[in-house]
């Protein structure tokens, strides 16, 4: 007997926005494990994005991007990074009426 009954509770279903089959999900999982092993400093979410984009992009488009060096150029859309170190901050609450 369990103190916390779990019957009838819905279980987590991982999202599958690209409708991968079970075989494709296994292939994706293996590829992500390999990416994490080979490139440990790459964030996992970036690796997932990269895999999904590369999987759904035509091979000719990937070849064009690599051959033209488009991945080496700074993005015109986002410009240069404006990041920095925040040394102090103050959180202000909205005024209560």
PDB file of N, CA and C in Angstrom:
ATOM      1  N   UNK A   1       0.835  -1.181   0.000  1.00  0.00           N
ATOM      2  CA  UNK A   1       0.000   0.000   0.000  1.00  0.00           C
ATOM      3  C   UNK A   1       0.878   1.241   0.000  1.00  0.00           C
ATOM      4  N   UNK A   2       0.524   2.183  -0.819  1.00  0.00           N
ATOM      5  CA  UNK A   2       1.285   3.415  -0.933  1.00  0.00           C
ATOM      6  C   UNK A   2       0.579   4.540  -0.190  1.00  0.00           C
ATOM      7  N   UNK A   3       1.364   5.381   0.427  1.00  0.00           N
ATOM      8  CA  UNK A   3       0.790   6.540   1.119  1.00  0.00           C
ATOM      9  C   UNK A   3       0.340   7.611   0.130  1.00  0.00           C
ATOM     10  N   UNK A   4       0.918   7.570  -1.066  1.00  0.00           N
ATOM     11  CA  UNK A   4       0.583   8.557  -2.088  1.00  0.00           C
ATOM     12  C   UNK A   4       0.102   7.830  -3.337  1.00  0.00           C
ATOM     13  N   UNK A   5      -1.193   7.623  -3.481  1.00  0.00           N
ATOM     14  CA  UNK A   5      -1.685   6.893  -4.654  1.00  0.00           C
ATOM     15  C   UNK A   5      -1.433   7.680  -5.944  1.00  0.00           C
ATOM     16  N   UNK A   6      -0.932   6.987  -6.945  1.00  0.00           N
ATOM     17  CA  UNK A   6      -0.614   7.644  -8.214  1.00  0.00           C
ATOM     18  C   UNK A   6      -1.476   7.165  -9.366  1.00  0.00           C
ATOM     19  N   UNK A   7      -2.414   6.294  -9.089  1.00  0.00           N
ATOM     20  CA  UNK A   7      -3.259   5.827 -10.179  1.00  0.00           C
ATOM     21  C   UNK A   7      -4.147   6.970 -10.664  1.00  0.00           C
ATOM     22  N   UNK A   8      -4.264   7.083 -11.952  1.00  0.00           N
ATOM     23  CA  UNK A   8      -5.101   8.115 -12.538  1.00  0.00           C
ATOM     24  C   UNK A   8      -4.366   9.423 -12.809  1.00  0.00           C
ATOM     25  N   UNK A   9      -3.118   9.561 -12.339  1.00  0.00           N
ATOM     26  CA  UNK A   9      -2.356  10.779 -12.615  1.00  0.00           C
ATOM     27  C   UNK A   9      -1.743  10.691 -14.005  1.00  0.00           C
ATOM     28  N   UNK A  10      -1.855  11.740 -14.791  1.00  0.00           N
ATOM     29  CA  UNK A  10      -1.241  11.694 -16.121  1.00  0.00           C
ATOM     30  C   UNK A  10       0.284  11.718 -16.016  1.00  0.00           C
ATOM     31  N   UNK A  11       0.949  10.966 -16.843  1.00  0.00           N
ATOM     32  CA  UNK A  11       2.403  10.891 -16.862  1.00  0.00           C
ATOM     33  C   UNK A  11       2.954  11.864 -17.890  1.00  0.00           C
ATOM     34  N   UNK A  12       4.175  12.299 -17.645  1.00  0.00           N
ATOM     35  CA  UNK A  12       4.840  13.240 -18.550  1.00  0.00           C
ATOM     36  C   UNK A  12       5.053  12.596 -19.923  1.00  0.00           C
ATOM     37  N   UNK A  13       4.670  13.311 -20.946  1.00  0.00           N
ATOM     38  CA  UNK A  13       4.919  12.886 -22.319  1.00  0.00           C
ATOM     39  C   UNK A  13       5.910  13.870 -22.928  1.00  0.00           C
ATOM     40  N   UNK A  14       7.120  13.423 -23.281  1.00  0.00           N
ATOM     41  CA  UNK A  14       8.088  14.348 -23.872  1.00  0.00           C
ATOM     42  C   UNK A  14       7.537  14.955 -25.160  1.00  0.00           C
ATOM     43  N   UNK A  15       7.857  16.224 -25.373  1.00  0.00           N
ATOM     44  CA  UNK A  15       7.365  16.881 -26.582  1.00  0.00           C
ATOM     45  C   UNK A  15       8.081  16.315 -27.804  1.00  0.00           C
ATOM     46  N   UNK A  16       7.394  16.296 -28.911  1.00  0.00           N
ATOM     47  CA  UNK A  16       7.928  15.788 -30.165  1.00  0.00           C
ATOM     48  C   UNK A  16       7.386  16.669 -31.291  1.00  0.00           C
ATOM     49  N   UNK A  17       7.833  17.956 -31.336  1.00  0.00           N
ATOM     50  CA  UNK A  17       7.250  18.889 -32.307  1.00  0.00           C
ATOM     51  C   UNK A  17       7.519  18.526 -33.764  1.00  0.00           C
ATOM     52  N   UNK A  18       8.577  17.764 -34.025  1.00  0.00           N
ATOM     53  CA  UNK A  18       8.876  17.380 -35.406  1.00  0.00           C
ATOM     54  C   UNK A  18       8.297  16.014 -35.759  1.00  0.00           C
ATOM     55  N   UNK A  19       7.523  15.435 -34.838  1.00  0.00           N
ATOM     56  CA  UNK A  19       6.887  14.126 -35.056  1.00  0.00           C
ATOM     57  C   UNK A  19       7.886  13.062 -35.490  1.00  0.00           C
ATOM     58  N   UNK A  20       8.997  12.980 -34.750  1.00  0.00           N
ATOM     59  CA  UNK A  20       9.979  11.936 -35.006  1.00  0.00           C
ATOM     60  C   UNK A  20       9.369  10.575 -34.679  1.00  0.00           C
ATOM     61  N   UNK A  21       9.755   9.566 -35.439  1.00  0.00           N
ATOM     62  CA  UNK A  21       9.345   8.197 -35.110  1.00  0.00           C
ATOM     63  C   UNK A  21      10.234   7.702 -33.964  1.00  0.00           C
ATOM     64  N   UNK A  22       9.929   6.512 -33.435  1.00  0.00           N
ATOM     65  CA  UNK A  22      10.746   5.968 -32.345  1.00  0.00           C
ATOM     66  C   UNK A  22      12.185   5.748 -32.808  1.00  0.00           C
ATOM     67  N   UNK A  23      12.352   5.318 -34.040  1.00  0.00           N
ATOM     68  CA  UNK A  23      13.695   5.116 -34.585  1.00  0.00           C
ATOM     69  C   UNK A  23      14.436   6.447 -34.706  1.00  0.00           C
ATOM     70  N   UNK A  24      13.740   7.462 -35.204  1.00  0.00           N
ATOM     71  CA  UNK A  24      14.360   8.777 -35.353  1.00  0.00           C
ATOM     72  C   UNK A  24      14.693   9.390 -33.990  1.00  0.00           C
ATOM     73  N   UNK A  25      13.838   9.171 -32.993  1.00  0.00           N
ATOM     74  CA  UNK A  25      14.126   9.663 -31.648  1.00  0.00           C
ATOM     75  C   UNK A  25      15.355   8.980 -31.064  1.00  0.00           C
ATOM     76  N   UNK A  26      15.514   7.679 -31.312  1.00  0.00           N
ATOM     77  CA  UNK A  26      16.699   6.958 -30.834  1.00  0.00           C
ATOM     78  C   UNK A  26      17.957   7.477 -31.528  1.00  0.00           C
ATOM     79  N   UNK A  27      17.850   7.731 -32.836  1.00  0.00           N
ATOM     80  CA  UNK A  27      18.982   8.272 -33.593  1.00  0.00           C
ATOM     81  C   UNK A  27      19.344   9.666 -33.072  1.00  0.00           C
ATOM     82  N   UNK A  28      18.341  10.484 -32.780  1.00  0.00           N
ATOM     83  CA  UNK A  28      18.559  11.832 -32.250  1.00  0.00           C
ATOM     84  C   UNK A  28      19.225  11.770 -30.877  1.00  0.00           C
ATOM     85  N   UNK A  29      18.739  10.877 -30.026  1.00  0.00           N
ATOM     86  CA  UNK A  29      19.308  10.726 -28.688  1.00  0.00           C
ATOM     87  C   UNK A  29      20.777  10.335 -28.770  1.00  0.00           C
ATOM     88  N   UNK A  30      21.108   9.379 -29.648  1.00  0.00           N
ATOM     89  CA  UNK A  30      22.493   8.939 -29.834  1.00  0.00           C
ATOM     90  C   UNK A  30      23.355  10.084 -30.344  1.00  0.00           C
ATOM     91  N   UNK A  31      22.850  10.849 -31.308  1.00  0.00           N
ATOM     92  CA  UNK A  31      23.603  11.977 -31.857  1.00  0.00           C
ATOM     93  C   UNK A  31      23.863  13.028 -30.783  1.00  0.00           C
ATOM     94  N   UNK A  32      22.873  13.305 -29.941  1.00  0.00           N
ATOM     95  CA  UNK A  32      23.042  14.304 -28.888  1.00  0.00           C
ATOM     96  C   UNK A  32      24.046  13.831 -27.845  1.00  0.00           C
ATOM     97  N   UNK A  33      24.060  12.545 -27.548  1.00  0.00           N
ATOM     98  CA  UNK A  33      25.059  12.003 -26.621  1.00  0.00           C
ATOM     99  C   UNK A  33      26.458  12.158 -27.218  1.00  0.00           C
ATOM    100  N   UNK A  34      26.596  11.881 -28.518  1.00  0.00           N
ATOM    101  CA  UNK A  34      27.891  12.027 -29.192  1.00  0.00           C
ATOM    102  C   UNK A  34      28.341  13.486 -29.210  1.00  0.00           C
ATOM    103  N   UNK A  35      27.414  14.409 -29.469  1.00  0.00           N
ATOM    104  CA  UNK A  35      27.753  15.837 -29.474  1.00  0.00           C
ATOM    105  C   UNK A  35      28.217  16.259 -28.088  1.00  0.00           C
ATOM    106  N   UNK A  36      27.515  15.812 -27.053  1.00  0.00           N
ATOM    107  CA  UNK A  36      27.895  16.174 -25.686  1.00  0.00           C
ATOM    108  C   UNK A  36      29.278  15.618 -25.337  1.00  0.00           C
ATOM    109  N   UNK A  37      29.585  14.407 -25.813  1.00  0.00           N
ATOM    110  CA  UNK A  37      30.887  13.808 -25.546  1.00  0.00           C
ATOM    111  C   UNK A  37      31.994  14.562 -26.298  1.00  0.00           C
ATOM    112  N   UNK A  38      31.750  14.888 -27.563  1.00  0.00           N
ATOM    113  CA  UNK A  38      32.778  15.509 -28.400  1.00  0.00           C
ATOM    114  C   UNK A  38      32.939  17.008 -28.145  1.00  0.00           C
ATOM    115  N   UNK A  39      31.854  17.667 -27.751  1.00  0.00           N
ATOM    116  CA  UNK A  39      31.871  19.114 -27.538  1.00  0.00           C
ATOM    117  C   UNK A  39      31.240  19.432 -26.182  1.00  0.00           C
ATOM    118  N   UNK A  40      31.941  19.158 -25.085  1.00  0.00           N
ATOM    119  CA  UNK A  40      31.328  19.291 -23.756  1.00  0.00           C
ATOM    120  C   UNK A  40      30.939  20.718 -23.373  1.00  0.00           C
ATOM    121  N   UNK A  41      31.514  21.714 -24.019  1.00  0.00           N
ATOM    122  CA  UNK A  41      31.196  23.100 -23.657  1.00  0.00           C
ATOM    123  C   UNK A  41      29.986  23.662 -24.401  1.00  0.00           C
ATOM    124  N   UNK A  42      29.458  22.913 -25.368  1.00  0.00           N
ATOM    125  CA  UNK A  42      28.268  23.354 -26.101  1.00  0.00           C
ATOM    126  C   UNK A  42      27.037  23.068 -25.239  1.00  0.00           C
ATOM    127  N   UNK A  43      26.219  24.084 -24.965  1.00  0.00           N
ATOM    128  CA  UNK A  43      25.005  23.841 -24.172  1.00  0.00           C
ATOM    129  C   UNK A  43      24.099  22.802 -24.837  1.00  0.00           C
ATOM    130  N   UNK A  44      23.439  22.000 -24.016  1.00  0.00           N
ATOM    131  CA  UNK A  44      22.592  20.920 -24.539  1.00  0.00           C
ATOM    132  C   UNK A  44      21.476  21.445 -25.434  1.00  0.00           C
ATOM    133  N   UNK A  45      20.885  22.565 -25.053  1.00  0.00           N
ATOM    134  CA  UNK A  45      19.792  23.119 -25.853  1.00  0.00           C
ATOM    135  C   UNK A  45      20.291  23.525 -27.236  1.00  0.00           C
ATOM    136  N   UNK A  46      21.484  24.103 -27.313  1.00  0.00           N
ATOM    137  CA  UNK A  46      22.045  24.468 -28.609  1.00  0.00           C
ATOM    138  C   UNK A  46      22.267  23.233 -29.467  1.00  0.00           C
ATOM    139  N   UNK A  47      22.751  22.157 -28.837  1.00  0.00           N
ATOM    140  CA  UNK A  47      22.979  20.916 -29.584  1.00  0.00           C
ATOM    141  C   UNK A  47      21.658  20.373 -30.125  1.00  0.00           C
ATOM    142  N   UNK A  48      20.597  20.456 -29.316  1.00  0.00           N
ATOM    143  CA  UNK A  48      19.282  20.000 -29.777  1.00  0.00           C
ATOM    144  C   UNK A  48      18.804  20.853 -30.946  1.00  0.00           C
ATOM    145  N   UNK A  49      18.956  22.162 -30.845  1.00  0.00           N
ATOM    146  CA  UNK A  49      18.548  23.055 -31.943  1.00  0.00           C
ATOM    147  C   UNK A  49      19.331  22.725 -33.207  1.00  0.00           C
ATOM    148  N   UNK A  50      20.638  22.573 -33.056  1.00  0.00           N
ATOM    149  CA  UNK A  50      21.477  22.282 -34.209  1.00  0.00           C
ATOM    150  C   UNK A  50      21.048  20.986 -34.885  1.00  0.00           C
ATOM    151  N   UNK A  51      20.820  19.952 -34.081  1.00  0.00           N
ATOM    152  CA  UNK A  51      20.405  18.673 -34.655  1.00  0.00           C
ATOM    153  C   UNK A  51      19.087  18.825 -35.408  1.00  0.00           C
ATOM    154  N   UNK A  52      18.109  19.471 -34.792  1.00  0.00           N
ATOM    155  CA  UNK A  52      16.800  19.605 -35.434  1.00  0.00           C
ATOM    156  C   UNK A  52      16.879  20.417 -36.728  1.00  0.00           C
ATOM    157  N   UNK A  53      17.665  21.482 -36.721  1.00  0.00           N
ATOM    158  CA  UNK A  53      17.798  22.301 -37.931  1.00  0.00           C
ATOM    159  C   UNK A  53      18.488  21.505 -39.031  1.00  0.00           C
ATOM    160  N   UNK A  54      19.582  20.838 -38.685  1.00  0.00           N
ATOM    161  CA  UNK A  54      20.331  20.077 -39.686  1.00  0.00           C
ATOM    162  C   UNK A  54      19.511  18.900 -40.220  1.00  0.00           C
ATOM    163  N   UNK A  55      18.700  18.303 -39.382  1.00  0.00           N
ATOM    164  CA  UNK A  55      17.891  17.158 -39.794  1.00  0.00           C
ATOM    165  C   UNK A  55      16.787  17.567 -40.775  1.00  0.00           C
ATOM    166  N   UNK A  56      16.305  18.784 -40.648  1.00  0.00           N
ATOM    167  CA  UNK A  56      15.183  19.217 -41.486  1.00  0.00           C
ATOM    168  C   UNK A  56      15.581  20.183 -42.603  1.00  0.00           C
ATOM    169  N   UNK A  57      16.865  20.468 -42.723  1.00  0.00           N
ATOM    170  CA  UNK A  57      17.347  21.346 -43.784  1.00  0.00           C
ATOM    171  C   UNK A  57      17.839  20.481 -44.947  1.00  0.00           C
ATOM    172  N   UNK A  58      17.549  20.866 -46.175  1.00  0.00           N
ATOM    173  CA  UNK A  58      18.038  20.087 -47.318  1.00  0.00           C
ATOM    174  C   UNK A  58      19.573  20.054 -47.340  1.00  0.00           C
ATOM    175  N   UNK A  59      20.166  18.920 -47.719  1.00  0.00           N
ATOM    176  CA  UNK A  59      21.642  18.812 -47.742  1.00  0.00           C
ATOM    177  C   UNK A  59      22.310  19.862 -48.627  1.00  0.00           C
ATOM    178  N   UNK A  60      21.631  20.263 -49.704  1.00  0.00           N
ATOM    179  CA  UNK A  60      22.207  21.280 -50.592  1.00  0.00           C
ATOM    180  C   UNK A  60      22.344  22.617 -49.860  1.00  0.00           C
ATOM    181  N   UNK A  61      21.365  22.930 -49.018  1.00  0.00           N
ATOM    182  CA  UNK A  61      21.397  24.178 -48.249  1.00  0.00           C
ATOM    183  C   UNK A  61      22.544  24.150 -47.244  1.00  0.00           C
ATOM    184  N   UNK A  62      22.750  23.019 -46.603  1.00  0.00           N
ATOM    185  CA  UNK A  62      23.859  22.878 -45.637  1.00  0.00           C
ATOM    186  C   UNK A  62      25.191  23.039 -46.357  1.00  0.00           C
ATOM    187  N   UNK A  63      25.340  22.397 -47.508  1.00  0.00           N
ATOM    188  CA  UNK A  63      26.575  22.517 -48.292  1.00  0.00           C
ATOM    189  C   UNK A  63      26.814  23.965 -48.708  1.00  0.00           C
ATOM    190  N   UNK A  64      25.760  24.650 -49.121  1.00  0.00           N
ATOM    191  CA  UNK A  64      25.891  26.049 -49.536  1.00  0.00           C
ATOM    192  C   UNK A  64      26.368  26.918 -48.371  1.00  0.00           C
ATOM    193  N   UNK A  65      25.800  26.714 -47.202  1.00  0.00           N
ATOM    194  CA  UNK A  65      26.181  27.500 -46.028  1.00  0.00           C
ATOM    195  C   UNK A  65      27.643  27.249 -45.670  1.00  0.00           C
ATOM    196  N   UNK A  66      28.059  25.989 -45.718  1.00  0.00           N
ATOM    197  CA  UNK A  66      29.451  25.653 -45.381  1.00  0.00           C
ATOM    198  C   UNK A  66      30.405  26.199 -46.434  1.00  0.00           C
ATOM    199  N   UNK A  67      30.094  25.984 -47.718  1.00  0.00           N
ATOM    200  CA  UNK A  67      31.001  26.403 -48.795  1.00  0.00           C
ATOM    201  C   UNK A  67      31.113  27.917 -48.915  1.00  0.00           C
ATOM    202  N   UNK A  68      30.031  28.639 -48.641  1.00  0.00           N
ATOM    203  CA  UNK A  68      30.069  30.103 -48.720  1.00  0.00           C
ATOM    204  C   UNK A  68      30.594  30.741 -47.450  1.00  0.00           C
ATOM    205  N   UNK A  69      30.788  29.949 -46.403  1.00  0.00           N
ATOM    206  CA  UNK A  69      31.304  30.490 -45.144  1.00  0.00           C
ATOM    207  C   UNK A  69      30.310  31.369 -44.421  1.00  0.00           C
ATOM    208  N   UNK A  70      29.020  31.161 -44.667  1.00  0.00           N
ATOM    209  CA  UNK A  70      28.014  32.015 -44.042  1.00  0.00           C
ATOM    210  C   UNK A  70      27.991  31.869 -42.530  1.00  0.00           C
ATOM    211  N   UNK A  71      28.378  30.706 -42.016  1.00  0.00           N
ATOM    212  CA  UNK A  71      28.375  30.481 -40.580  1.00  0.00           C
ATOM    213  C   UNK A  71      29.517  31.223 -39.896  1.00  0.00           C
ATOM    214  N   UNK A  72      30.501  31.687 -40.679  1.00  0.00           N
ATOM    215  CA  UNK A  72      31.648  32.404 -40.117  1.00  0.00           C
ATOM    216  C   UNK A  72      31.382  33.905 -40.000  1.00  0.00           C
ATOM    217  N   UNK A  73      30.400  34.402 -40.756  1.00  0.00           N
ATOM    218  CA  UNK A  73      30.140  35.833 -40.782  1.00  0.00           C
ATOM    219  C   UNK A  73      29.289  36.256 -39.591  1.00  0.00           C
ATOM    220  N   UNK A  74      29.507  37.484 -39.089  1.00  0.00           N
ATOM    221  CA  UNK A  74      28.622  37.974 -38.031  1.00  0.00           C
ATOM    222  C   UNK A  74      27.205  38.158 -38.567  1.00  0.00           C
ATOM    223  N   UNK A  75      26.257  37.944 -37.720  1.00  0.00           N
ATOM    224  CA  UNK A  75      24.869  38.063 -38.122  1.00  0.00           C
ATOM    225  C   UNK A  75      24.504  39.529 -38.348  1.00  0.00           C
ATOM    226  N   UNK A  76      23.879  39.795 -39.489  1.00  0.00           N
ATOM    227  CA  UNK A  76      23.410  41.157 -39.755  1.00  0.00           C
ATOM    228  C   UNK A  76      22.143  41.446 -38.964  1.00  0.00           C
ATOM    229  N   UNK A  77      21.401  40.391 -38.677  1.00  0.00           N
ATOM    230  CA  UNK A  77      20.135  40.558 -37.968  1.00  0.00           C
ATOM    231  C   UNK A  77      20.344  41.004 -36.529  1.00  0.00           C
ATOM    232  N   UNK A  78      21.358  40.421 -35.872  1.00  0.00           N
ATOM    233  CA  UNK A  78      21.547  40.701 -34.454  1.00  0.00           C
ATOM    234  C   UNK A  78      22.711  41.640 -34.171  1.00  0.00           C
ATOM    235  N   UNK A  79      23.546  41.915 -35.160  1.00  0.00           N
ATOM    236  CA  UNK A  79      24.672  42.817 -34.943  1.00  0.00           C
ATOM    237  C   UNK A  79      25.665  42.226 -33.958  1.00  0.00           C
ATOM    238  N   UNK A  80      26.468  43.105 -33.382  1.00  0.00           N
ATOM    239  CA  UNK A  80      27.455  42.598 -32.426  1.00  0.00           C
ATOM    240  C   UNK A  80      26.840  42.444 -31.047  1.00  0.00           C
ATOM    241  N   UNK A  81      27.428  41.562 -30.272  1.00  0.00           N
ATOM    242  CA  UNK A  81      26.906  41.296 -28.929  1.00  0.00           C
ATOM    243  C   UNK A  81      27.090  42.513 -28.043  1.00  0.00           C
ATOM    244  N   UNK A  82      26.090  42.818 -27.278  1.00  0.00           N
ATOM    245  CA  UNK A  82      26.136  43.973 -26.381  1.00  0.00           C
ATOM    246  C   UNK A  82      26.185  43.514 -24.923  1.00  0.00           C
ATOM    247  N   UNK A  83      26.701  42.316 -24.699  1.00  0.00           N
ATOM    248  CA  UNK A  83      26.723  41.762 -23.349  1.00  0.00           C
ATOM    249  C   UNK A  83      27.715  42.457 -22.448  1.00  0.00           C
ATOM    250  N   UNK A  84      27.639  42.159 -21.189  1.00  0.00           N
ATOM    251  CA  UNK A  84      28.557  42.726 -20.225  1.00  0.00           C
ATOM    252  C   UNK A  84      28.279  42.146 -18.852  1.00  0.00           C
ATOM    253  N   UNK A  85      28.984  42.652 -17.876  1.00  0.00           N
ATOM    254  CA  UNK A  85      28.852  42.171 -16.512  1.00  0.00           C
ATOM    255  C   UNK A  85      28.006  43.151 -15.716  1.00  0.00           C
ATOM    256  N   UNK A  86      26.983  42.638 -15.088  1.00  0.00           N
ATOM    257  CA  UNK A  86      26.119  43.450 -14.249  1.00  0.00           C
ATOM    258  C   UNK A  86      26.650  43.357 -12.828  1.00  0.00           C
ATOM    259  N   UNK A  87      27.149  44.489 -12.294  1.00  0.00           N
ATOM    260  CA  UNK A  87      27.769  44.470 -10.969  1.00  0.00           C
ATOM    261  C   UNK A  87      26.755  44.696  -9.861  1.00  0.00           C
ATOM    262  N   UNK A  88      25.710  45.424 -10.151  1.00  0.00           N
ATOM    263  CA  UNK A  88      24.695  45.678  -9.140  1.00  0.00           C
ATOM    264  C   UNK A  88      23.366  45.925  -9.828  1.00  0.00           C
ATOM    265  N   UNK A  89      22.307  45.649  -9.143  1.00  0.00           N
ATOM    266  CA  UNK A  89      20.985  45.870  -9.712  1.00  0.00           C
ATOM    267  C   UNK A  89      19.989  46.050  -8.585  1.00  0.00           C
ATOM    268  N   UNK A  90      18.882  46.686  -8.899  1.00  0.00           N
ATOM    269  CA  UNK A  90      17.823  46.874  -7.922  1.00  0.00           C
ATOM    270  C   UNK A  90      16.516  46.456  -8.580  1.00  0.00           C
ATOM    271  N   UNK A  91      15.748  45.642  -7.904  1.00  0.00           N
ATOM    272  CA  UNK A  91      14.478  45.194  -8.418  1.00  0.00           C
ATOM    273  C   UNK A  91      13.402  46.091  -7.823  1.00  0.00           C
ATOM    274  N   UNK A  92      12.665  46.745  -8.691  1.00  0.00           N
ATOM    275  CA  UNK A  92      11.616  47.638  -8.246  1.00  0.00           C
ATOM    276  C   UNK A  92      10.270  46.982  -8.479  1.00  0.00           C
ATOM    277  N   UNK A  93       9.457  46.968  -7.468  1.00  0.00           N
ATOM    278  CA  UNK A  93       8.122  46.419  -7.598  1.00  0.00           C
ATOM    279  C   UNK A  93       7.205  47.463  -8.206  1.00  0.00           C
ATOM    280  N   UNK A  94       6.210  46.966  -8.930  1.00  0.00           N
ATOM    281  CA  UNK A  94       5.228  47.885  -9.490  1.00  0.00           C
ATOM    282  C   UNK A  94       4.474  48.569  -8.338  1.00  0.00           C
ATOM    283  N   UNK A  95       4.141  49.847  -8.505  1.00  0.00           N
ATOM    284  CA  UNK A  95       3.413  50.533  -7.436  1.00  0.00           C
ATOM    285  C   UNK A  95       2.041  49.916  -7.211  1.00  0.00           C
ATOM    286  N   UNK A  96       1.687  49.811  -5.964  1.00  0.00           N
ATOM    287  CA  UNK A  96       0.389  49.254  -5.580  1.00  0.00           C
ATOM    288  C   UNK A  96      -0.591  50.400  -5.409  1.00  0.00           C
ATOM    289  N   UNK A  97      -1.701  50.325  -6.127  1.00  0.00           N
ATOM    290  CA  UNK A  97      -2.697  51.407  -6.037  1.00  0.00           C
ATOM    291  C   UNK A  97      -3.686  51.135  -4.948  1.00  0.00           C
TER     292      UNK A  97
END
